[in-house]
Amino acid sequence: MIQTLLSQFPVSEYEARRNKVLAGMEKAGIDALILTSDENTYYFTGFRSIVWESKVSILGTLVITKDGSMALATSLNGAKTARGSCCIEDIRTFGEDGYPSYVKAIISLLEEKGLTKGRIGFEFGDGQKMHLNYNLTQELFEELKDSHRVEAASLLWEVRCVKSPLEIEKMRKVCEINIQSIQKGFDSLNEGMTEMDLYGVIMSEYYRLGAERALPIGLRAGKERYSHINSPPSYRPIMKGDIILVDGGPVYHGYYSDIIRQAVIGKPTDLQQEMFDVAREACYKGIEAVKPGRPICEVSKAVEQYIESSKFAEYHVYANKGTYGHSIGIGVHEFPMLSHKSTMPLRVGMTFAIEPYLFKEEVGSLGIEENILVTENGCEILTPSDSTLMKR
């Protein structure tokens, strides 16, 4: 492996990640992995490109074989960018003097290792998806028709769910950027400014503080907007008494923060304040339940039990009952989920976003979201900031 101009981590970090996945492959009896997504190629090699959202561009596919060999297949146009960011030296292209097709470049390492009939792990399973289009996927599967294709999602999440000390540094920084930027936005609030005005303040601060990009953050205010879950901002003016919800965050060195903070111009109604306080306290009940070795589902159940014991249990149905958050890292929604179904024990180095909320039509979607790190003694809140329903 080599250090490159755009590397976000030292070679030793990527070597450790490769060793982790190789150990997992051996345990699962997987001969090779074919990884097509931006998250997985970035995680294992540092590969970066600005056109992952393109529907036509050829990006990169990473192949890892059980002996530790790694190769990235990409286009001629993408090869130099790959060499500027990838820690691996084996970059394979197609066309001109390269392989006859993208798929041929992908499978070339498998052919060299005699693994085209082996157990090949793909991004099948919960929380993973392949980036290849339909035609390329079918072509790849035809070339590997004699192989045994297996899901690799569980293996990939096992490798990625515990963050290294260097990853945690990135997480702390992105969370710091997020809380400062949302606070800057709320400090600028005034009656009549639009949702888009507030969005602009927050996004500008993200970039000023060092973010490389940001989620298209959810931002909504007012009765007709409360039910618009995961909605982008509108040009609607924010008026006195409107509950304002901001949900999302920036990306720093490939790592996400995702929080919810809420504010109101003037005062909330008594019902809004009570609902918010219950949902907020439920979040912290969940945080108090975080202990290494404890099953993740116990955290989820602690959140739910608090809400169900309140007088607002009926407003709880609108939420994704039984699921109160998700892991977070180089993906905004990672696995394991923070849900009743997650029996995996909490481990030091896991990072989560905890986000219970209550909803009532025309009253509001009320609650907070915190990012946390599992530590030896419990957990660390990575997003320490004003989490009250802020009055402006």
Protein backbone atom coordinates (compact mmCIF):
# COMPACT_ATOMS: atom_id res chain seq x y z
CA MET A 1 0.00 0.00 0.00
CA ILE A 2 1.09 3.59 -0.64
CA GLN A 3 0.39 7.03 0.79
CA THR A 4 -1.26 9.29 -1.80
CA LEU A 5 -1.94 13.00 -2.18
CA LEU A 6 -5.62 12.74 -1.22
CA SER A 7 -5.29 10.07 1.47
CA GLN A 8 -7.28 10.92 4.59
CA PHE A 9 -5.50 8.30 6.71
CA PRO A 10 -2.03 6.76 6.96
CA VAL A 11 -1.33 3.46 5.19
CA SER A 12 -1.36 1.67 8.55
CA GLU A 13 -5.07 2.46 8.92
CA TYR A 14 -5.94 0.89 5.58
CA GLU A 15 -3.75 -2.11 6.33
CA ALA A 16 -5.65 -2.64 9.58
CA ARG A 17 -8.98 -2.47 7.72
CA ARG A 18 -7.79 -4.96 5.11
CA ASN A 19 -6.63 -7.34 7.84
CA LYS A 20 -10.01 -7.11 9.57
CA VAL A 21 -11.93 -7.92 6.43
CA LEU A 22 -9.56 -10.76 5.51
CA ALA A 23 -10.13 -12.33 8.92
CA GLY A 24 -13.87 -12.02 8.38
CA MET A 25 -13.62 -13.53 4.90
CA GLU A 26 -11.72 -16.51 6.25
CA LYS A 27 -14.28 -17.05 8.98
CA ALA A 28 -17.17 -16.82 6.49
CA GLY A 29 -15.44 -18.94 3.86
CA ILE A 30 -15.47 -16.14 1.28
CA ASP A 31 -12.81 -16.31 -1.43
CA ALA A 32 -13.18 -12.75 -2.73
CA LEU A 33 -15.20 -9.57 -2.32
CA ILE A 34 -16.48 -7.36 -5.14
CA LEU A 35 -17.31 -3.93 -3.73
CA THR A 36 -18.95 -1.28 -5.91
CA SER A 37 -20.21 1.46 -3.56
CA ASP A 38 -18.59 4.77 -2.71
CA GLU A 39 -18.63 3.95 1.01
CA ASN A 40 -16.86 0.61 0.75
CA THR A 41 -14.28 1.63 -1.84
CA TYR A 42 -13.51 4.73 0.25
CA TYR A 43 -13.31 2.77 3.48
CA PHE A 44 -10.84 0.17 2.22
CA THR A 45 -8.74 2.27 -0.18
CA GLY A 46 -9.43 5.99 0.27
CA PHE A 47 -10.74 6.19 -3.32
CA ARG A 48 -12.54 9.48 -3.92
CA SER A 49 -14.38 10.91 -6.92
CA ILE A 50 -16.87 13.76 -7.33
CA VAL A 51 -19.15 11.87 -9.73
CA TRP A 52 -20.60 9.14 -7.54
CA GLU A 53 -24.06 10.67 -8.08
CA SER A 54 -23.71 10.38 -11.85
CA LYS A 55 -26.01 7.92 -13.59
CA VAL A 56 -23.61 7.45 -16.52
CA SER A 57 -20.04 7.71 -15.21
CA ILE A 58 -17.93 4.63 -14.47
CA LEU A 59 -16.55 5.03 -10.96
CA GLY A 60 -14.63 2.20 -9.38
CA THR A 61 -15.07 -1.38 -8.23
CA LEU A 62 -12.78 -2.88 -5.61
CA VAL A 63 -11.85 -6.56 -5.61
CA ILE A 64 -10.28 -8.12 -2.52
CA THR A 65 -9.11 -11.74 -2.63
CA LYS A 66 -8.53 -14.05 0.31
CA ASP A 67 -4.73 -13.80 -0.01
CA GLY A 68 -4.91 -10.03 0.61
CA SER A 69 -4.57 -8.88 -3.00
CA MET A 70 -6.59 -5.77 -3.87
CA ALA A 71 -7.36 -4.19 -7.25
CA LEU A 72 -9.55 -1.28 -8.28
CA ALA A 73 -11.22 -1.36 -11.71
CA THR A 74 -12.10 2.02 -13.20
CA SER A 75 -12.18 3.96 -16.47
CA LEU A 76 -9.20 5.51 -18.21
CA ASN A 77 -10.56 8.92 -17.21
CA GLY A 78 -10.81 7.89 -13.58
CA ALA A 79 -7.45 6.17 -13.32
CA LYS A 80 -5.36 9.20 -12.42
CA THR A 81 -7.87 10.35 -9.81
CA ALA A 82 -7.81 6.82 -8.38
CA ARG A 83 -4.01 6.87 -8.24
CA GLY A 84 -4.18 10.22 -6.46
CA SER A 85 -6.43 8.93 -3.68
CA CYS A 86 -6.16 5.12 -3.49
CA CYS A 87 -3.76 3.47 -1.10
CA ILE A 88 -3.54 0.46 -3.42
CA GLU A 89 -1.29 0.47 -6.47
CA ASP A 90 -3.17 -2.05 -8.61
CA ILE A 91 -5.50 0.16 -10.69
CA ARG A 92 -7.03 -1.65 -13.69
CA THR A 93 -8.66 0.17 -16.61
CA PHE A 94 -10.57 -0.85 -19.72
CA GLY A 95 -10.43 0.36 -23.31
CA GLU A 96 -7.39 1.33 -25.38
CA ASP A 97 -4.50 -0.61 -23.82
CA GLY A 98 -6.56 -1.90 -20.88
CA TYR A 99 -9.14 -4.66 -20.53
CA PRO A 100 -11.86 -4.96 -23.20
CA SER A 101 -14.67 -3.94 -20.82
CA TYR A 102 -15.33 -2.69 -17.31
CA VAL A 103 -16.57 -6.11 -16.21
CA LYS A 104 -13.45 -7.79 -17.64
CA ALA A 105 -11.32 -5.36 -15.61
CA ILE A 106 -13.32 -6.25 -12.48
CA ILE A 107 -12.97 -10.00 -12.83
CA SER A 108 -9.34 -9.98 -14.01
CA LEU A 109 -7.92 -10.40 -10.52
CA LEU A 110 -10.28 -13.30 -9.86
CA GLU A 111 -9.15 -14.96 -13.07
CA GLU A 112 -5.50 -14.57 -12.11
CA LYS A 113 -6.18 -16.15 -8.72
CA GLY A 114 -8.37 -18.92 -10.10
CA LEU A 115 -11.37 -17.75 -8.08
CA THR A 116 -14.07 -17.26 -10.72
CA LYS A 117 -15.79 -20.41 -9.44
CA GLY A 118 -15.32 -19.58 -5.78
CA ARG A 119 -17.50 -18.00 -3.10
CA ILE A 120 -17.74 -14.34 -4.06
CA GLY A 121 -19.15 -11.82 -1.60
CA PHE A 122 -21.27 -8.96 -2.94
CA GLU A 123 -22.98 -5.95 -1.38
CA PHE A 124 -26.17 -7.95 -0.81
CA GLY A 125 -28.06 -7.62 2.46
CA ASP A 126 -29.40 -4.99 4.84
CA GLY A 127 -27.93 -1.53 4.50
CA GLN A 128 -25.83 -2.29 1.41
CA LYS A 129 -26.42 -1.94 -2.30
CA MET A 130 -24.46 -2.31 -5.50
CA HIS A 131 -23.58 0.82 -7.45
CA LEU A 132 -23.44 -0.89 -10.86
CA ASN A 133 -26.35 -0.31 -13.23
CA TYR A 134 -28.59 -3.20 -14.26
CA ASN A 135 -26.80 -4.03 -17.50
CA LEU A 136 -23.34 -4.07 -15.91
CA THR A 137 -24.64 -6.13 -13.00
CA GLN A 138 -26.11 -8.73 -15.34
CA GLU A 139 -22.90 -8.81 -17.39
CA LEU A 140 -20.84 -9.31 -14.23
CA PHE A 141 -23.11 -12.10 -12.99
CA GLU A 142 -22.92 -13.82 -16.38
CA GLU A 143 -19.12 -13.73 -16.29
CA LEU A 144 -19.24 -15.25 -12.81
CA LYS A 145 -22.08 -17.69 -13.51
CA ASP A 146 -20.05 -20.58 -12.14
CA SER A 147 -19.30 -18.82 -8.86
CA HIS A 148 -21.31 -19.00 -5.66
CA ARG A 149 -22.55 -15.45 -4.98
CA VAL A 150 -23.06 -14.71 -1.28
CA GLU A 151 -24.17 -11.71 0.74
CA ALA A 152 -21.36 -9.75 2.34
CA ALA A 153 -23.39 -7.09 4.18
CA SER A 154 -23.02 -8.74 7.57
CA LEU A 155 -19.26 -9.09 7.11
CA LEU A 156 -18.86 -5.48 5.97
CA TRP A 157 -20.87 -4.13 8.90
CA GLU A 158 -18.90 -6.28 11.32
CA VAL A 159 -15.72 -4.66 10.01
CA ARG A 160 -17.08 -1.10 9.84
CA CYS A 161 -19.25 -0.89 12.97
CA VAL A 162 -16.36 -0.33 15.40
CA LYS A 163 -14.50 2.88 14.62
CA SER A 164 -10.75 3.18 15.00
CA PRO A 165 -9.20 6.02 17.05
CA LEU A 166 -8.47 7.90 13.81
CA GLU A 167 -12.07 7.53 12.66
CA ILE A 168 -13.29 8.79 16.01
CA GLU A 169 -11.17 11.92 15.56
CA LYS A 170 -13.03 12.59 12.31
CA MET A 171 -16.37 11.94 14.01
CA ARG A 172 -15.63 14.37 16.81
CA LYS A 173 -14.69 17.06 14.30
CA VAL A 174 -17.76 16.63 12.10
CA CYS A 175 -20.04 16.67 15.14
CA GLU A 176 -18.39 19.88 16.34
CA ILE A 177 -19.00 21.47 12.94
CA ASN A 178 -22.63 20.38 13.03
CA ILE A 179 -23.58 21.70 16.45
CA GLN A 180 -21.83 25.03 15.89
CA SER A 181 -23.45 25.55 12.50
CA ILE A 182 -27.00 24.76 13.59
CA GLN A 183 -26.56 27.04 16.59
CA LYS A 184 -25.37 29.80 14.24
CA GLY A 185 -28.51 29.29 12.18
CA PHE A 186 -30.81 29.45 15.19
CA ASP A 187 -29.04 32.55 16.48
CA SER A 188 -29.91 34.24 13.18
CA LEU A 189 -33.63 33.43 13.38
CA ASN A 190 -36.12 36.21 12.96
CA GLU A 191 -39.79 36.31 12.04
CA GLY A 192 -40.32 36.37 8.29
CA MET A 193 -37.07 34.72 7.24
CA THR A 194 -37.71 31.68 5.08
CA GLU A 195 -36.77 28.08 5.69
CA MET A 196 -34.35 28.48 2.78
CA ASP A 197 -32.77 31.53 4.44
CA LEU A 198 -32.10 29.49 7.58
CA TYR A 199 -30.78 26.62 5.46
CA GLY A 200 -28.34 28.98 3.78
CA VAL A 201 -26.95 30.22 7.08
CA ILE A 202 -26.38 26.67 8.35
CA MET A 203 -24.87 25.37 5.11
CA SER A 204 -22.53 28.36 4.79
CA GLU A 205 -21.27 27.76 8.31
CA TYR A 206 -20.68 24.09 7.57
CA TYR A 207 -18.28 24.97 4.78
CA ARG A 208 -16.68 27.84 6.67
CA LEU A 209 -15.81 25.42 9.48
CA GLY A 210 -14.23 22.87 7.16
CA ALA A 211 -16.95 20.50 5.91
CA GLU A 212 -16.36 19.07 2.46
CA ARG A 213 -20.05 18.59 1.78
CA ALA A 214 -23.33 18.14 3.62
CA LEU A 215 -26.47 16.11 3.63
CA PRO A 216 -29.44 17.81 1.96
CA ILE A 217 -30.62 18.61 5.49
CA GLY A 218 -34.26 18.35 6.44
CA LEU A 219 -35.68 21.69 7.55
CA ARG A 220 -39.32 22.53 8.12
CA ALA A 221 -41.49 24.87 10.18
CA GLY A 222 -45.22 25.48 10.67
CA LYS A 223 -48.43 23.46 10.86
CA GLU A 224 -48.62 22.55 7.19
CA ARG A 225 -45.00 21.36 7.29
CA TYR A 226 -44.85 19.29 10.49
CA SER A 227 -45.85 16.05 8.75
CA HIS A 228 -43.31 16.43 5.90
CA ILE A 229 -40.76 13.94 7.18
CA ASN A 230 -37.31 14.19 5.53
CA SER A 231 -38.42 17.23 3.57
CA PRO A 232 -36.00 19.78 2.11
CA PRO A 233 -36.45 23.46 3.04
CA SER A 234 -39.06 25.58 1.28
CA TYR A 235 -39.35 29.31 0.66
CA ARG A 236 -42.12 29.50 3.25
CA PRO A 237 -41.62 32.34 5.77
CA ILE A 238 -41.12 31.24 9.36
CA MET A 239 -43.70 32.88 11.58
CA LYS A 240 -44.12 33.46 15.30
CA GLY A 241 -45.09 30.26 17.09
CA ASP A 242 -43.79 27.93 14.37
CA ILE A 243 -41.76 24.98 15.62
CA ILE A 244 -38.61 24.75 13.50
CA LEU A 245 -36.90 21.39 12.99
CA VAL A 246 -33.41 20.92 11.53
CA ASP A 247 -32.30 17.36 10.80
CA GLY A 248 -29.01 16.25 9.25
CA GLY A 249 -25.46 17.46 9.11
CA PRO A 250 -22.18 17.88 7.29
CA VAL A 251 -19.49 15.49 6.05
CA TYR A 252 -15.87 15.88 7.12
CA HIS A 253 -13.15 13.65 5.64
CA GLY A 254 -15.91 11.26 4.60
CA TYR A 255 -17.58 11.04 8.05
CA TYR A 256 -21.12 12.16 8.88
CA SER A 257 -22.88 13.83 11.75
CA ASP A 258 -26.67 13.64 11.90
CA ILE A 259 -28.60 15.46 14.60
CA ILE A 260 -31.98 17.06 15.21
CA ARG A 261 -32.34 20.41 16.93
CA GLN A 262 -35.52 22.46 17.30
CA ALA A 263 -36.41 26.08 17.96
CA VAL A 264 -39.43 28.38 18.00
CA ILE A 265 -39.86 32.08 17.41
CA GLY A 266 -41.77 33.23 20.48
CA LYS A 267 -43.18 30.48 22.69
CA PRO A 268 -44.42 26.93 22.09
CA THR A 269 -47.81 25.84 23.34
CA ASP A 270 -47.88 23.91 26.59
CA LEU A 271 -48.63 20.73 24.62
CA GLN A 272 -45.70 21.26 22.28
CA GLN A 273 -43.32 21.86 25.17
CA GLU A 274 -44.53 18.80 27.07
CA MET A 275 -44.25 16.54 24.03
CA PHE A 276 -40.79 17.84 23.26
CA ASP A 277 -39.62 17.36 26.85
CA VAL A 278 -40.80 13.74 26.91
CA ALA A 279 -39.15 12.91 23.59
CA ARG A 280 -35.92 14.66 24.62
CA GLU A 281 -35.79 12.83 27.94
CA ALA A 282 -36.43 9.53 26.14
CA CYS A 283 -33.30 10.18 24.09
CA TYR A 284 -31.24 10.60 27.24
CA LYS A 285 -32.80 7.52 28.82
CA GLY A 286 -31.48 5.63 25.84
CA ILE A 287 -28.06 7.21 26.25
CA GLU A 288 -28.00 6.24 29.93
CA ALA A 289 -28.66 2.62 28.89
CA VAL A 290 -25.57 2.45 26.66
CA LYS A 291 -23.01 0.12 28.21
CA PRO A 292 -20.43 -2.03 26.40
CA GLY A 293 -21.52 -5.66 26.35
CA ARG A 294 -25.20 -4.83 26.68
CA PRO A 295 -27.42 -5.85 23.72
CA ILE A 296 -28.30 -2.91 21.48
CA CYS A 297 -32.00 -3.76 21.83
CA GLU A 298 -31.88 -2.80 25.52
CA VAL A 299 -31.08 0.78 24.53
CA SER A 300 -34.00 0.84 22.12
CA LYS A 301 -36.31 -0.62 24.75
CA ALA A 302 -35.21 1.95 27.35
CA VAL A 303 -36.26 4.71 24.95
CA GLU A 304 -39.60 3.11 24.21
CA GLN A 305 -40.41 2.29 27.81
CA TYR A 306 -39.99 5.91 28.80
CA ILE A 307 -42.29 7.13 26.04
CA GLU A 308 -44.87 4.42 26.69
CA SER A 309 -44.97 5.36 30.38
CA SER A 310 -45.81 8.97 29.53
CA LYS A 311 -49.21 10.41 28.65
CA PHE A 312 -48.05 10.82 25.06
CA ALA A 313 -47.80 7.15 24.13
CA GLU A 314 -50.57 7.60 21.51
CA TYR A 315 -48.44 10.13 19.63
CA HIS A 316 -45.66 7.62 19.49
CA VAL A 317 -47.32 5.47 16.82
CA TYR A 318 -46.33 7.80 13.95
CA ALA A 319 -42.64 7.20 14.67
CA ASN A 320 -40.80 4.08 13.54
CA LYS A 321 -41.79 2.23 16.66
CA GLY A 322 -39.18 -0.23 17.82
CA THR A 323 -36.35 1.60 16.05
CA TYR A 324 -34.87 4.73 17.63
CA GLY A 325 -31.70 5.39 15.72
CA HIS A 326 -28.89 4.00 13.64
CA SER A 327 -25.15 3.61 13.51
CA ILE A 328 -23.27 6.40 11.78
CA GLY A 329 -19.85 6.83 10.18
CA ILE A 330 -18.91 7.06 6.51
CA GLY A 331 -22.61 6.46 5.87
CA VAL A 332 -25.30 8.56 7.48
CA HIS A 333 -27.37 5.42 8.13
CA GLU A 334 -25.19 2.46 9.00
CA PHE A 335 -25.83 -0.88 10.66
CA PRO A 336 -26.46 -2.13 13.26
CA MET A 337 -29.69 -0.23 13.72
CA LEU A 338 -30.69 0.92 17.17
CA SER A 339 -33.77 -1.25 17.32
CA HIS A 340 -35.55 -3.97 19.25
CA LYS A 341 -34.28 -6.49 16.67
CA SER A 342 -30.58 -5.74 17.27
CA THR A 343 -29.19 -8.39 19.59
CA MET A 344 -25.55 -7.56 18.86
CA PRO A 345 -23.72 -6.43 22.01
CA LEU A 346 -22.55 -2.84 22.18
CA ARG A 347 -18.81 -2.54 21.66
CA VAL A 348 -16.34 0.19 22.50
CA GLY A 349 -15.88 2.33 19.40
CA MET A 350 -19.39 1.99 18.01
CA THR A 351 -21.06 5.27 17.06
CA PHE A 352 -24.82 5.87 16.97
CA ALA A 353 -27.41 8.52 16.30
CA ILE A 354 -30.29 8.24 18.80
CA GLU A 355 -33.49 9.97 17.64
CA PRO A 356 -36.85 9.36 19.35
CA TYR A 357 -39.62 11.80 18.58
CA LEU A 358 -43.36 12.28 19.06
CA PHE A 359 -45.77 13.44 16.39
CA LYS A 360 -49.23 14.97 16.41
CA GLU A 361 -50.82 16.50 13.33
CA GLU A 362 -50.58 20.32 13.34
CA VAL A 363 -48.80 20.22 16.73
CA GLY A 364 -45.41 19.08 15.57
CA SER A 365 -42.80 16.40 15.16
CA LEU A 366 -40.97 16.92 18.42
CA GLY A 367 -37.71 15.51 19.73
CA ILE A 368 -33.95 15.59 19.34
CA GLU A 369 -31.18 13.47 17.87
CA GLU A 370 -27.78 13.01 19.48
CA ASN A 371 -24.62 11.34 18.17
CA ILE A 372 -22.82 9.14 20.68
CA LEU A 373 -19.68 7.03 21.00
CA VAL A 374 -19.66 3.81 23.04
CA THR A 375 -16.82 3.97 25.58
CA GLU A 376 -15.44 1.61 28.20
CA ASN A 377 -17.56 3.24 30.91
CA GLY A 378 -20.74 3.89 28.93
CA CYS A 379 -20.83 6.48 26.21
CA GLU A 380 -19.68 9.94 25.19
CA ILE A 381 -22.11 12.41 23.64
CA LEU A 382 -20.33 13.65 20.52
CA THR A 383 -22.85 16.47 20.00
CA PRO A 384 -22.91 18.34 23.33
CA SER A 385 -24.91 21.51 22.70
CA ASP A 386 -28.19 23.19 23.57
CA SER A 387 -30.73 20.44 22.98
CA THR A 388 -33.69 22.25 24.51
CA LEU A 389 -36.55 23.67 22.45
CA MET A 390 -34.78 26.97 21.83
CA LYS A 391 -36.88 30.14 22.08
CA ARG A 392 -36.03 33.02 19.80
